Amino acid sequence: MIIQVARLSDGRRKIMSIQEITGMEGDVITMQEIFCFEQTGVAPDGTVLGHFRATGIRPRFADRLQARGAPLADYLFDPSRIKER
């Protein structure tokens, strides 16, 4: 799992992307993005506004979690759902 963090224009740090490592192609590590932060604007006080969105890709490790008794609901990976924070 790769978690990308960035400093926003308002000075806060935020997780911008959550990706899963899927393998290797030669010497290159391949990844697929699971969730990303989408900036929607800036509030009058300068705070960055936005939300997290699933990319629609269900991570490969989900089956292993389910086999161990920790299933992940399908709606978590629905790109039409917005995850507010």
Protein backbone atom coordinates (compact mmCIF):
# COMPACT_ATOMS: atom_id res chain seq x y z
CA MET A 1 0.00 0.00 0.00
CA ILE A 2 1.33 3.42 -0.95
CA ILE A 3 -0.09 6.52 0.72
CA GLN A 4 0.81 9.83 -0.90
CA VAL A 5 0.70 12.91 1.35
CA ALA A 6 1.02 16.52 0.24
CA ARG A 7 1.02 19.94 1.86
CA LEU A 8 -1.96 21.95 0.65
CA SER A 9 -2.07 25.66 -0.07
CA ASP A 10 -3.62 26.25 3.37
CA GLY A 11 -0.57 24.70 5.05
CA ARG A 12 -2.25 21.46 6.12
CA ARG A 13 -0.97 18.05 5.12
CA LYS A 14 -3.48 15.67 3.61
CA ILE A 15 -3.51 12.18 2.19
CA MET A 16 -3.92 12.72 -1.56
CA SER A 17 -3.86 9.17 -2.88
CA ILE A 18 -4.00 5.58 -1.66
CA GLN A 19 -2.54 3.04 -4.08
CA GLU A 20 -1.97 -0.69 -4.10
CA ILE A 21 1.23 -2.23 -5.42
CA THR A 22 0.16 -4.79 -8.02
CA GLY A 23 3.44 -6.24 -9.20
CA MET A 24 6.50 -5.65 -11.35
CA GLU A 25 6.98 -5.15 -15.06
CA GLY A 26 10.69 -5.65 -15.52
CA ASP A 27 12.34 -3.17 -13.15
CA VAL A 28 9.20 -1.04 -12.80
CA ILE A 29 6.82 -1.36 -9.85
CA THR A 30 3.19 -1.28 -11.01
CA MET A 31 0.45 0.27 -8.88
CA GLN A 32 -3.24 1.00 -9.06
CA GLU A 33 -4.91 3.92 -7.32
CA ILE A 34 -7.77 2.95 -4.96
CA PHE A 35 -8.74 6.36 -3.50
CA CYS A 36 -7.84 9.95 -4.37
CA PHE A 37 -8.52 13.39 -2.89
CA GLU A 38 -10.34 15.80 -5.18
CA GLN A 39 -10.03 19.48 -4.35
CA THR A 40 -13.30 21.31 -5.02
CA GLY A 41 -12.32 24.81 -3.98
CA VAL A 42 -11.00 27.06 -1.26
CA ALA A 43 -13.12 28.47 1.58
CA PRO A 44 -13.09 32.22 2.33
CA ASP A 45 -10.71 31.55 5.23
CA GLY A 46 -8.24 29.83 2.87
CA THR A 47 -9.05 26.27 3.91
CA VAL A 48 -8.84 23.80 1.04
CA LEU A 49 -12.18 22.10 0.36
CA GLY A 50 -12.55 18.67 -1.18
CA HIS A 51 -13.45 15.05 -0.72
CA PHE A 52 -12.12 11.53 -1.21
CA ARG A 53 -13.35 9.44 -4.10
CA ALA A 54 -12.86 5.79 -4.93
CA THR A 55 -11.46 5.11 -8.38
CA GLY A 56 -13.76 2.12 -8.86
CA ILE A 57 -10.95 -0.40 -8.54
CA ARG A 58 -11.43 -3.01 -5.83
CA PRO A 59 -8.02 -3.80 -4.31
CA ARG A 60 -6.57 -7.24 -4.83
CA PHE A 61 -6.05 -7.73 -1.10
CA ALA A 62 -9.82 -7.50 -0.42
CA ASP A 63 -10.30 -11.24 -1.00
CA ARG A 64 -7.57 -12.05 1.53
CA LEU A 65 -9.21 -9.80 4.11
CA GLN A 66 -12.57 -11.47 3.53
CA ALA A 67 -11.01 -14.93 3.94
CA ARG A 68 -9.69 -13.79 7.32
CA GLY A 69 -13.10 -12.53 8.46
CA ALA A 70 -12.76 -8.84 7.61
CA PRO A 71 -14.83 -8.25 4.47
CA LEU A 72 -14.82 -4.87 2.73
CA ALA A 73 -18.22 -3.75 1.49
CA ASP A 74 -18.50 -3.11 -2.25
CA TYR A 75 -19.91 0.41 -1.71
CA LEU A 76 -16.52 1.51 -0.36
CA PHE A 77 -15.11 1.29 -3.89
CA ASP A 78 -18.05 2.93 -5.69
CA PRO A 79 -16.71 6.05 -7.46
CA SER A 80 -20.15 7.71 -7.35
CA ARG A 81 -19.97 7.91 -3.53
CA ILE A 82 -18.16 10.85 -1.97
CA LYS A 83 -16.25 10.28 1.24
CA GLU A 84 -16.34 13.49 3.29
CA ARG A 85 -13.97 14.21 6.11
